[in-house]
Amino acid sequence: MGGRVTRVFRNFNVENRASREISKEKPTPAPRHPTARLDAMADSPDIKEEVFRKDDRFLSLLKDVYVESRDPPVRVKDGGGEHLPCKQEEKRLTKLGHLEALDVKTVPKGKISIVEALTLLNNHKLQPQIWTAEKIAADYSLELKEVNSLLEFFIPFTVQEFPKETKKAIKSHKPKQLT
């Protein structure tokens, strides 16, 4: 009920209000932030004169200031090579064939790229006698345990065709009547 009342007031005289806003020469600007007024005041000549004027009292106090600083000697940290890698990571070239342009060129040993993973999963699905877990592990420099897990838990997409419904199944199913 309250929505009806507010809608009436909201839509009252909409066209006239819209045409009045559109016909304005220049829209009303948003209110300025207080810092904008401070910037305008900084440009005034009185403030500039105050800033650039020398004050003898402050100048005499500044002449009495003496600063002496002593930096501690710089110590060179000898890390002893702790940030250097202990051994270079071995890399291997990818085995992609015609898909080579889609993926990275080199992969660390013990890892495979996504395109290689999809390729070997599809090869294993199509020819499991040829593409055994042992052969995949040897070809792609992987551990046998990881290859077995990969073949067990990651299954490539398969297209399944379901049989078409018979006429009996269609006749037995009655759609609901809308009243």
N, C-alpha and C. Protein backbone atom coordinates (compact mmCIF):
# COMPACT_ATOMS: atom_id res chain seq x y z
N MET A 1 0.82 -1.19 0.00
CA MET A 1 0.00 0.00 0.00
C MET A 1 0.87 1.25 0.00
N GLY A 2 1.96 1.23 0.78
CA GLY A 2 2.83 2.40 0.85
C GLY A 2 3.55 2.66 -0.46
N GLY A 3 3.79 1.59 -1.23
CA GLY A 3 4.47 1.75 -2.51
C GLY A 3 3.63 2.53 -3.50
N ARG A 4 2.33 2.33 -3.46
CA ARG A 4 1.44 3.05 -4.37
C ARG A 4 1.49 4.56 -4.10
N VAL A 5 1.47 4.90 -2.83
CA VAL A 5 1.46 6.32 -2.47
C VAL A 5 2.76 6.99 -2.88
N THR A 6 3.89 6.34 -2.57
CA THR A 6 5.17 6.96 -2.92
C THR A 6 5.37 7.02 -4.43
N ARG A 7 4.86 6.02 -5.16
CA ARG A 7 4.99 6.03 -6.61
C ARG A 7 4.24 7.21 -7.22
N VAL A 8 3.08 7.53 -6.66
CA VAL A 8 2.30 8.65 -7.18
C VAL A 8 3.08 9.95 -7.02
N PHE A 9 3.67 10.16 -5.84
CA PHE A 9 4.43 11.39 -5.62
C PHE A 9 5.73 11.42 -6.44
N ARG A 10 6.34 10.25 -6.62
CA ARG A 10 7.59 10.19 -7.37
C ARG A 10 7.35 10.48 -8.85
N ASN A 11 6.23 10.00 -9.39
CA ASN A 11 5.94 10.17 -10.81
C ASN A 11 5.14 11.43 -11.11
N PHE A 12 4.83 12.23 -10.11
CA PHE A 12 4.04 13.44 -10.31
C PHE A 12 4.85 14.46 -11.11
N ASN A 13 4.28 14.91 -12.20
CA ASN A 13 4.86 15.98 -13.00
C ASN A 13 6.29 15.64 -13.48
N VAL A 14 6.50 14.39 -13.87
CA VAL A 14 7.83 13.93 -14.26
C VAL A 14 8.31 14.62 -15.53
N GLU A 15 7.44 14.75 -16.51
CA GLU A 15 7.84 15.32 -17.79
C GLU A 15 8.26 16.78 -17.65
N ASN A 16 7.50 17.54 -16.86
CA ASN A 16 7.85 18.95 -16.68
C ASN A 16 9.17 19.10 -15.94
N ARG A 17 9.37 18.28 -14.92
CA ARG A 17 10.62 18.37 -14.16
C ARG A 17 11.81 17.97 -15.03
N ALA A 18 11.64 16.92 -15.86
CA ALA A 18 12.72 16.48 -16.74
C ALA A 18 13.05 17.54 -17.78
N SER A 19 12.02 18.12 -18.39
CA SER A 19 12.29 19.14 -19.42
C SER A 19 12.93 20.37 -18.81
N ARG A 20 12.59 20.72 -17.56
CA ARG A 20 13.20 21.86 -16.89
C ARG A 20 14.70 21.61 -16.67
N GLU A 21 15.07 20.39 -16.26
CA GLU A 21 16.48 20.07 -16.03
C GLU A 21 17.25 20.05 -17.34
N ILE A 22 16.63 19.53 -18.39
CA ILE A 22 17.31 19.43 -19.68
C ILE A 22 17.51 20.81 -20.29
N SER A 23 16.54 21.70 -20.11
CA SER A 23 16.63 23.02 -20.74
C SER A 23 17.60 23.96 -20.03
N LYS A 24 18.13 23.60 -18.89
CA LYS A 24 19.08 24.46 -18.20
C LYS A 24 20.34 24.62 -19.05
N GLU A 25 20.91 25.81 -19.05
CA GLU A 25 22.10 26.09 -19.84
C GLU A 25 23.30 25.32 -19.32
N LYS A 26 23.51 25.40 -18.03
CA LYS A 26 24.69 24.76 -17.43
C LYS A 26 24.23 24.03 -16.17
N PRO A 27 24.64 22.78 -16.00
CA PRO A 27 24.21 22.06 -14.79
C PRO A 27 24.83 22.69 -13.55
N THR A 28 24.14 22.55 -12.44
CA THR A 28 24.65 23.11 -11.19
C THR A 28 25.86 22.30 -10.74
N PRO A 29 26.96 22.96 -10.41
CA PRO A 29 28.17 22.21 -10.02
C PRO A 29 28.03 21.63 -8.62
N ALA A 30 28.78 20.60 -8.37
CA ALA A 30 28.80 19.98 -7.05
C ALA A 30 29.50 20.91 -6.08
N PRO A 31 29.17 20.85 -4.80
CA PRO A 31 29.85 21.72 -3.84
C PRO A 31 31.32 21.37 -3.74
N ARG A 32 32.13 22.39 -3.54
CA ARG A 32 33.58 22.21 -3.48
C ARG A 32 34.00 21.71 -2.11
N HIS A 33 35.09 20.97 -2.10
CA HIS A 33 35.67 20.49 -0.86
C HIS A 33 36.39 21.65 -0.17
N PRO A 34 36.44 21.67 1.18
CA PRO A 34 37.09 22.80 1.87
C PRO A 34 38.55 23.02 1.48
N THR A 35 39.26 21.99 1.05
CA THR A 35 40.66 22.18 0.67
C THR A 35 40.78 23.03 -0.59
N ALA A 36 39.76 23.04 -1.42
CA ALA A 36 39.80 23.87 -2.63
C ALA A 36 39.83 25.35 -2.24
N ARG A 37 39.14 25.71 -1.16
CA ARG A 37 39.17 27.09 -0.70
C ARG A 37 40.55 27.45 -0.16
N LEU A 38 41.21 26.49 0.50
CA LEU A 38 42.55 26.75 1.02
C LEU A 38 43.55 26.99 -0.11
N ASP A 39 43.41 26.23 -1.20
CA ASP A 39 44.29 26.43 -2.35
C ASP A 39 44.08 27.82 -2.95
N ALA A 40 42.84 28.26 -3.00
CA ALA A 40 42.55 29.58 -3.54
C ALA A 40 43.14 30.66 -2.64
N MET A 41 43.11 30.43 -1.33
CA MET A 41 43.68 31.40 -0.40
C MET A 41 45.20 31.44 -0.51
N ALA A 42 45.82 30.32 -0.84
CA ALA A 42 47.28 30.28 -0.95
C ALA A 42 47.77 31.13 -2.11
N ASP A 43 46.94 31.34 -3.11
CA ASP A 43 47.34 32.16 -4.25
C ASP A 43 47.23 33.66 -3.96
N SER A 44 46.63 34.03 -2.86
CA SER A 44 46.45 35.46 -2.57
C SER A 44 47.80 36.11 -2.26
N PRO A 45 48.00 37.38 -2.61
CA PRO A 45 49.31 38.04 -2.43
C PRO A 45 49.68 38.24 -0.96
N ASP A 46 48.70 38.38 -0.07
CA ASP A 46 49.02 38.58 1.35
C ASP A 46 49.72 37.35 1.93
N ILE A 47 49.21 36.19 1.58
CA ILE A 47 49.80 34.95 2.12
C ILE A 47 51.18 34.73 1.51
N LYS A 48 51.33 35.00 0.22
CA LYS A 48 52.64 34.84 -0.42
C LYS A 48 53.67 35.77 0.22
N GLU A 49 53.25 36.98 0.51
CA GLU A 49 54.16 37.94 1.14
C GLU A 49 54.58 37.46 2.53
N GLU A 50 53.65 36.90 3.27
CA GLU A 50 53.94 36.39 4.62
C GLU A 50 54.93 35.22 4.56
N VAL A 51 54.80 34.40 3.56
CA VAL A 51 55.67 33.23 3.44
C VAL A 51 57.09 33.65 3.07
N PHE A 52 57.24 34.57 2.14
CA PHE A 52 58.56 34.94 1.65
C PHE A 52 59.26 36.00 2.50
N ARG A 53 58.60 36.60 3.47
CA ARG A 53 59.20 37.65 4.31
C ARG A 53 60.15 37.00 5.32
N LYS A 54 61.32 37.61 5.52
CA LYS A 54 62.29 37.12 6.49
C LYS A 54 61.93 37.66 7.87
N ASP A 55 61.94 36.76 8.84
CA ASP A 55 61.67 37.17 10.22
C ASP A 55 63.01 37.11 10.97
N ASP A 56 63.46 38.24 11.47
CA ASP A 56 64.78 38.31 12.12
C ASP A 56 64.86 37.44 13.37
N ARG A 57 63.77 37.35 14.10
CA ARG A 57 63.78 36.53 15.32
C ARG A 57 64.02 35.06 14.99
N PHE A 58 63.27 34.54 14.00
CA PHE A 58 63.45 33.14 13.60
C PHE A 58 64.82 32.91 12.97
N LEU A 59 65.31 33.90 12.24
CA LEU A 59 66.61 33.77 11.60
C LEU A 59 67.73 33.68 12.63
N SER A 60 67.64 34.48 13.72
CA SER A 60 68.67 34.41 14.77
C SER A 60 68.60 33.07 15.51
N LEU A 61 67.39 32.56 15.73
CA LEU A 61 67.27 31.24 16.37
C LEU A 61 67.84 30.14 15.47
N LEU A 62 67.64 30.27 14.20
CA LEU A 62 68.13 29.27 13.25
C LEU A 62 69.65 29.29 13.17
N LYS A 63 70.27 30.46 13.34
CA LYS A 63 71.73 30.55 13.31
C LYS A 63 72.36 29.89 14.53
N ASP A 64 71.64 29.83 15.64
CA ASP A 64 72.16 29.20 16.85
C ASP A 64 72.08 27.68 16.82
N VAL A 65 71.35 27.13 15.88
CA VAL A 65 71.17 25.67 15.81
C VAL A 65 72.39 25.05 15.16
N TYR A 66 72.92 24.01 15.80
CA TYR A 66 74.04 23.28 15.25
C TYR A 66 73.68 21.80 15.27
N VAL A 67 73.71 21.19 14.13
CA VAL A 67 73.34 19.78 14.00
C VAL A 67 74.59 18.98 13.71
N GLU A 68 74.78 17.95 14.50
CA GLU A 68 75.91 17.05 14.29
C GLU A 68 75.35 15.64 14.19
N SER A 69 75.63 14.99 13.11
CA SER A 69 75.10 13.63 12.95
C SER A 69 76.25 12.67 12.68
N ARG A 70 76.10 11.52 13.26
CA ARG A 70 77.10 10.47 13.06
C ARG A 70 76.35 9.20 12.67
N ASP A 71 76.64 8.74 11.49
CA ASP A 71 76.02 7.49 11.04
C ASP A 71 76.86 6.32 11.52
N PRO A 72 76.21 5.24 11.94
CA PRO A 72 76.99 4.06 12.30
C PRO A 72 77.64 3.48 11.04
N PRO A 73 78.78 2.83 11.20
CA PRO A 73 79.43 2.26 10.01
C PRO A 73 78.53 1.21 9.36
N VAL A 74 78.56 1.21 8.06
CA VAL A 74 77.72 0.28 7.31
C VAL A 74 78.33 -1.10 7.38
N ARG A 75 77.50 -2.06 7.76
CA ARG A 75 77.96 -3.45 7.84
C ARG A 75 77.48 -4.19 6.59
N VAL A 76 78.41 -4.86 5.97
CA VAL A 76 78.08 -5.65 4.80
C VAL A 76 77.70 -7.03 5.28
N LYS A 77 76.49 -7.44 4.91
CA LYS A 77 76.03 -8.76 5.32
C LYS A 77 76.59 -9.79 4.36
N ASP A 78 77.25 -10.76 4.91
CA ASP A 78 77.78 -11.85 4.10
C ASP A 78 76.82 -13.02 4.25
N GLY A 79 75.99 -13.21 3.25
CA GLY A 79 74.99 -14.27 3.32
C GLY A 79 75.59 -15.64 3.12
N GLY A 80 76.76 -15.71 2.54
CA GLY A 80 77.38 -17.01 2.30
C GLY A 80 76.64 -17.83 1.26
N GLY A 81 75.92 -17.17 0.38
CA GLY A 81 75.23 -17.89 -0.69
C GLY A 81 73.95 -18.57 -0.23
N GLU A 82 73.34 -18.09 0.84
CA GLU A 82 72.14 -18.75 1.32
C GLU A 82 70.94 -18.50 0.42
N HIS A 83 70.98 -17.45 -0.41
CA HIS A 83 69.86 -17.17 -1.29
C HIS A 83 70.02 -17.82 -2.66
N LEU A 84 71.15 -18.41 -2.91
CA LEU A 84 71.36 -19.06 -4.19
C LEU A 84 70.67 -20.41 -4.21
N PRO A 85 70.11 -20.81 -5.34
CA PRO A 85 69.48 -22.12 -5.39
C PRO A 85 70.53 -23.21 -5.27
N CYS A 86 70.16 -24.29 -4.60
CA CYS A 86 71.13 -25.36 -4.37
C CYS A 86 71.43 -26.12 -5.65
N LYS A 87 70.45 -26.27 -6.54
CA LYS A 87 70.73 -26.91 -7.83
C LYS A 87 69.79 -26.32 -8.86
N GLN A 88 70.23 -26.34 -10.09
CA GLN A 88 69.41 -25.81 -11.16
C GLN A 88 68.24 -26.77 -11.41
N GLU A 89 67.09 -26.20 -11.66
CA GLU A 89 65.91 -27.00 -11.93
C GLU A 89 66.02 -27.56 -13.34
N GLU A 90 65.87 -28.87 -13.47
CA GLU A 90 65.98 -29.50 -14.77
C GLU A 90 64.70 -29.24 -15.56
N LYS A 91 64.87 -28.93 -16.84
CA LYS A 91 63.73 -28.65 -17.70
C LYS A 91 63.71 -29.65 -18.83
N ARG A 92 62.54 -29.83 -19.41
CA ARG A 92 62.39 -30.70 -20.57
C ARG A 92 61.52 -29.99 -21.59
N LEU A 93 61.67 -30.35 -22.85
CA LEU A 93 60.84 -29.77 -23.89
C LEU A 93 59.47 -30.44 -23.87
N THR A 94 58.45 -29.70 -24.24
CA THR A 94 57.10 -30.26 -24.24
C THR A 94 56.90 -31.13 -25.46
N LYS A 95 55.96 -32.08 -25.34
CA LYS A 95 55.65 -33.00 -26.44
C LYS A 95 54.23 -32.72 -26.89
N LEU A 96 54.08 -31.70 -27.73
CA LEU A 96 52.73 -31.28 -28.09
C LEU A 96 52.36 -31.53 -29.54
N GLY A 97 53.33 -31.69 -30.42
CA GLY A 97 53.01 -31.90 -31.82
C GLY A 97 52.43 -30.65 -32.45
N HIS A 98 51.23 -30.75 -33.03
CA HIS A 98 50.62 -29.62 -33.72
C HIS A 98 50.05 -28.58 -32.75
N LEU A 99 49.96 -28.88 -31.46
CA LEU A 99 49.44 -27.92 -30.48
C LEU A 99 50.56 -27.11 -29.82
N GLU A 100 51.75 -27.15 -30.36
CA GLU A 100 52.91 -26.54 -29.74
C GLU A 100 52.77 -25.03 -29.56
N ALA A 101 52.09 -24.36 -30.48
CA ALA A 101 51.95 -22.90 -30.39
C ALA A 101 51.03 -22.47 -29.25
N LEU A 102 50.23 -23.39 -28.72
CA LEU A 102 49.25 -23.03 -27.69
C LEU A 102 49.83 -23.01 -26.29
N ASP A 103 50.96 -23.61 -26.06
CA ASP A 103 51.41 -23.81 -24.69
C ASP A 103 52.85 -23.35 -24.52
N VAL A 104 53.35 -23.51 -23.30
CA VAL A 104 54.72 -23.14 -22.98
C VAL A 104 55.69 -24.08 -23.68
N LYS A 105 56.93 -23.62 -23.83
CA LYS A 105 57.91 -24.42 -24.56
C LYS A 105 58.66 -25.39 -23.66
N THR A 106 59.01 -24.96 -22.44
CA THR A 106 59.74 -25.84 -21.53
C THR A 106 58.98 -25.96 -20.23
N VAL A 107 59.06 -27.16 -19.63
CA VAL A 107 58.37 -27.45 -18.38
C VAL A 107 59.37 -28.13 -17.46
N PRO A 108 59.37 -27.82 -16.15
CA PRO A 108 60.28 -28.51 -15.24
C PRO A 108 60.00 -30.01 -15.21
N LYS A 109 61.05 -30.78 -14.98
CA LYS A 109 60.87 -32.23 -14.90
C LYS A 109 60.01 -32.55 -13.69
N GLY A 110 59.12 -33.52 -13.85
CA GLY A 110 58.21 -33.88 -12.78
C GLY A 110 56.89 -33.14 -12.86
N LYS A 111 56.75 -32.27 -13.87
CA LYS A 111 55.50 -31.52 -14.05
C LYS A 111 55.11 -31.58 -15.52
N ILE A 112 53.81 -31.31 -15.78
CA ILE A 112 53.33 -31.29 -17.16
C ILE A 112 52.46 -30.05 -17.35
N SER A 113 52.34 -29.64 -18.60
CA SER A 113 51.49 -28.49 -18.90
C SER A 113 50.05 -28.97 -19.05
N ILE A 114 49.12 -28.04 -19.11
CA ILE A 114 47.71 -28.39 -19.21
C ILE A 114 47.41 -29.09 -20.53
N VAL A 115 47.99 -28.59 -21.61
CA VAL A 115 47.75 -29.21 -22.91
C VAL A 115 48.30 -30.63 -22.93
N GLU A 116 49.49 -30.83 -22.34
CA GLU A 116 50.05 -32.18 -22.26
C GLU A 116 49.17 -33.10 -21.41
N ALA A 117 48.64 -32.57 -20.31
CA ALA A 117 47.79 -33.39 -19.44
C ALA A 117 46.54 -33.83 -20.19
N LEU A 118 45.91 -32.91 -20.90
CA LEU A 118 44.72 -33.29 -21.66
C LEU A 118 45.05 -34.28 -22.77
N THR A 119 46.21 -34.09 -23.40
CA THR A 119 46.62 -35.00 -24.47
C THR A 119 46.85 -36.41 -23.94
N LEU A 120 47.59 -36.53 -22.84
CA LEU A 120 47.88 -37.87 -22.34
C LEU A 120 46.63 -38.53 -21.75
N LEU A 121 45.72 -37.77 -21.16
CA LEU A 121 44.47 -38.35 -20.68
C LEU A 121 43.62 -38.87 -21.83
N ASN A 122 43.58 -38.12 -22.93
CA ASN A 122 42.82 -38.55 -24.09
C ASN A 122 43.47 -39.78 -24.73
N ASN A 123 44.79 -39.79 -24.83
CA ASN A 123 45.48 -40.96 -25.39
C ASN A 123 45.22 -42.20 -24.55
N HIS A 124 45.24 -42.05 -23.23
CA HIS A 124 44.99 -43.20 -22.35
C HIS A 124 43.55 -43.67 -22.48
N LYS A 125 42.62 -42.74 -22.68
CA LYS A 125 41.21 -43.13 -22.82
C LYS A 125 40.98 -43.88 -24.12
N LEU A 126 41.63 -43.42 -25.20
CA LEU A 126 41.42 -44.05 -26.51
C LEU A 126 42.19 -45.36 -26.65
N GLN A 127 43.40 -45.43 -26.13
CA GLN A 127 44.24 -46.63 -26.27
C GLN A 127 44.90 -46.98 -24.94
N PRO A 128 44.15 -47.54 -23.99
CA PRO A 128 44.74 -47.81 -22.67
C PRO A 128 45.82 -48.90 -22.69
N GLN A 129 45.80 -49.80 -23.70
CA GLN A 129 46.83 -50.84 -23.75
C GLN A 129 48.18 -50.25 -24.13
N ILE A 130 48.19 -49.27 -25.01
CA ILE A 130 49.44 -48.66 -25.45
C ILE A 130 49.90 -47.61 -24.44
N TRP A 131 49.00 -46.74 -24.02
CA TRP A 131 49.33 -45.63 -23.11
C TRP A 131 49.08 -46.06 -21.67
N THR A 132 49.96 -46.88 -21.17
CA THR A 132 49.86 -47.32 -19.77
C THR A 132 50.46 -46.26 -18.86
N ALA A 133 50.22 -46.42 -17.57
CA ALA A 133 50.73 -45.45 -16.59
C ALA A 133 52.26 -45.44 -16.60
N GLU A 134 52.87 -46.61 -16.77
CA GLU A 134 54.33 -46.69 -16.78
C GLU A 134 54.92 -45.94 -17.98
N LYS A 135 54.29 -46.10 -19.15
CA LYS A 135 54.79 -45.44 -20.35
C LYS A 135 54.63 -43.92 -20.22
N ILE A 136 53.50 -43.48 -19.68
CA ILE A 136 53.27 -42.04 -19.51
C ILE A 136 54.28 -41.46 -18.53
N ALA A 137 54.54 -42.18 -17.43
CA ALA A 137 55.51 -41.70 -16.44
C ALA A 137 56.90 -41.59 -17.05
N ALA A 138 57.27 -42.55 -17.88
CA ALA A 138 58.60 -42.51 -18.51
C ALA A 138 58.68 -41.39 -19.55
N ASP A 139 57.64 -41.23 -20.38
CA ASP A 139 57.67 -40.23 -21.44
C ASP A 139 57.67 -38.80 -20.91
N TYR A 140 56.92 -38.55 -19.86
CA TYR A 140 56.75 -37.18 -19.37
C TYR A 140 57.55 -36.89 -18.10
N SER A 141 58.44 -37.77 -17.71
CA SER A 141 59.31 -37.60 -16.53
C SER A 141 58.48 -37.35 -15.27
N LEU A 142 57.48 -38.19 -15.04
CA LEU A 142 56.62 -38.07 -13.87
C LEU A 142 56.79 -39.28 -12.97
N GLU A 143 56.32 -39.16 -11.72
CA GLU A 143 56.34 -40.30 -10.81
C GLU A 143 55.13 -41.18 -11.11
N LEU A 144 55.31 -42.49 -10.95
CA LEU A 144 54.26 -43.45 -11.29
C LEU A 144 53.03 -43.25 -10.40
N LYS A 145 53.26 -42.93 -9.13
CA LYS A 145 52.14 -42.73 -8.20
C LYS A 145 51.28 -41.55 -8.65
N GLU A 146 51.91 -40.48 -9.09
CA GLU A 146 51.17 -39.30 -9.55
C GLU A 146 50.41 -39.59 -10.84
N VAL A 147 51.02 -40.36 -11.73
CA VAL A 147 50.35 -40.71 -12.99
C VAL A 147 49.13 -41.57 -12.71
N ASN A 148 49.26 -42.54 -11.79
CA ASN A 148 48.11 -43.38 -11.44
C ASN A 148 46.98 -42.54 -10.86
N SER A 149 47.31 -41.59 -10.00
CA SER A 149 46.29 -40.71 -9.43
C SER A 149 45.65 -39.86 -10.52
N LEU A 150 46.46 -39.37 -11.45
CA LEU A 150 45.94 -38.55 -12.54
C LEU A 150 44.97 -39.34 -13.40
N LEU A 151 45.33 -40.56 -13.74
CA LEU A 151 44.46 -41.38 -14.59
C LEU A 151 43.20 -41.82 -13.85
N GLU A 152 43.29 -41.94 -12.54
CA GLU A 152 42.13 -42.39 -11.77
C GLU A 152 41.12 -41.26 -11.54
N PHE A 153 41.61 -40.08 -11.20
CA PHE A 153 40.71 -39.03 -10.75
C PHE A 153 40.36 -37.99 -11.82
N PHE A 154 41.15 -37.88 -12.88
CA PHE A 154 40.87 -36.91 -13.93
C PHE A 154 40.44 -37.66 -15.18
N ILE A 155 39.19 -37.48 -15.56
CA ILE A 155 38.65 -38.18 -16.71
C ILE A 155 38.30 -37.14 -17.77
N PRO A 156 38.79 -37.31 -19.00
CA PRO A 156 38.44 -36.33 -20.04
C PRO A 156 36.97 -36.42 -20.40
N PHE A 157 36.48 -35.39 -21.06
CA PHE A 157 35.07 -35.33 -21.41
C PHE A 157 34.69 -36.48 -22.33
N THR A 158 33.50 -37.02 -22.11
CA THR A 158 32.97 -38.06 -22.98
C THR A 158 31.58 -37.63 -23.43
N VAL A 159 31.25 -37.98 -24.66
CA VAL A 159 29.93 -37.68 -25.20
C VAL A 159 29.09 -38.94 -25.06
N GLN A 160 27.97 -38.81 -24.38
CA GLN A 160 27.08 -39.95 -24.21
C GLN A 160 25.77 -39.66 -24.92
N GLU A 161 25.31 -40.65 -25.68
CA GLU A 161 24.03 -40.51 -26.37
C GLU A 161 23.04 -41.41 -25.67
N PHE A 162 21.96 -40.83 -25.23
CA PHE A 162 20.93 -41.60 -24.55
C PHE A 162 19.91 -42.07 -25.59
N PRO A 163 19.33 -43.27 -25.39
CA PRO A 163 18.35 -43.75 -26.37
C PRO A 163 17.11 -42.85 -26.38
N LYS A 164 16.54 -42.71 -27.56
CA LYS A 164 15.36 -41.87 -27.68
C LYS A 164 14.18 -42.56 -27.02
N GLU A 165 13.27 -41.77 -26.50
CA GLU A 165 12.11 -42.33 -25.81
C GLU A 165 11.18 -42.99 -26.83
N THR A 166 10.60 -44.09 -26.43
CA THR A 166 9.65 -44.77 -27.31
C THR A 166 8.29 -44.10 -27.20
N LYS A 167 7.40 -44.47 -28.12
CA LYS A 167 6.08 -43.85 -28.11
C LYS A 167 5.30 -44.25 -26.86
N LYS A 168 5.56 -45.47 -26.34
CA LYS A 168 4.86 -45.91 -25.14
C LYS A 168 5.24 -45.01 -23.96
N ALA A 169 6.51 -44.70 -23.87
CA ALA A 169 6.96 -43.86 -22.76
C ALA A 169 6.37 -42.46 -22.88
N ILE A 170 6.21 -41.99 -24.10
CA ILE A 170 5.65 -40.66 -24.29
C ILE A 170 4.16 -40.66 -23.96
N LYS A 171 3.42 -41.73 -24.36
CA LYS A 171 1.99 -41.79 -24.09
C LYS A 171 1.70 -41.95 -22.61
N SER A 172 2.55 -42.68 -21.89
CA SER A 172 2.28 -42.90 -20.47
C SER A 172 2.48 -41.63 -19.66
N HIS A 173 3.26 -40.75 -20.16
CA HIS A 173 3.52 -39.48 -19.45
C HIS A 173 2.47 -38.46 -19.87
N LYS A 174 1.65 -38.04 -18.91
CA LYS A 174 0.61 -37.07 -19.20
C LYS A 174 1.02 -35.73 -18.61
N PRO A 175 1.04 -34.68 -19.40
CA PRO A 175 1.39 -33.37 -18.84
C PRO A 175 0.27 -32.86 -17.94
N LYS A 176 0.64 -32.05 -16.99
CA LYS A 176 -0.34 -31.48 -16.07
C LYS A 176 -1.19 -30.45 -16.81
N GLN A 177 -2.46 -30.46 -16.49
CA GLN A 177 -3.38 -29.49 -17.08
C GLN A 177 -3.43 -28.26 -16.20
N LEU A 178 -3.27 -27.12 -16.80
CA LEU A 178 -3.35 -25.87 -16.06
C LEU A 178 -4.80 -25.41 -16.02
N THR A 179 -5.28 -25.07 -14.86
CA THR A 179 -6.68 -24.62 -14.75
C THR A 179 -6.73 -23.17 -14.35
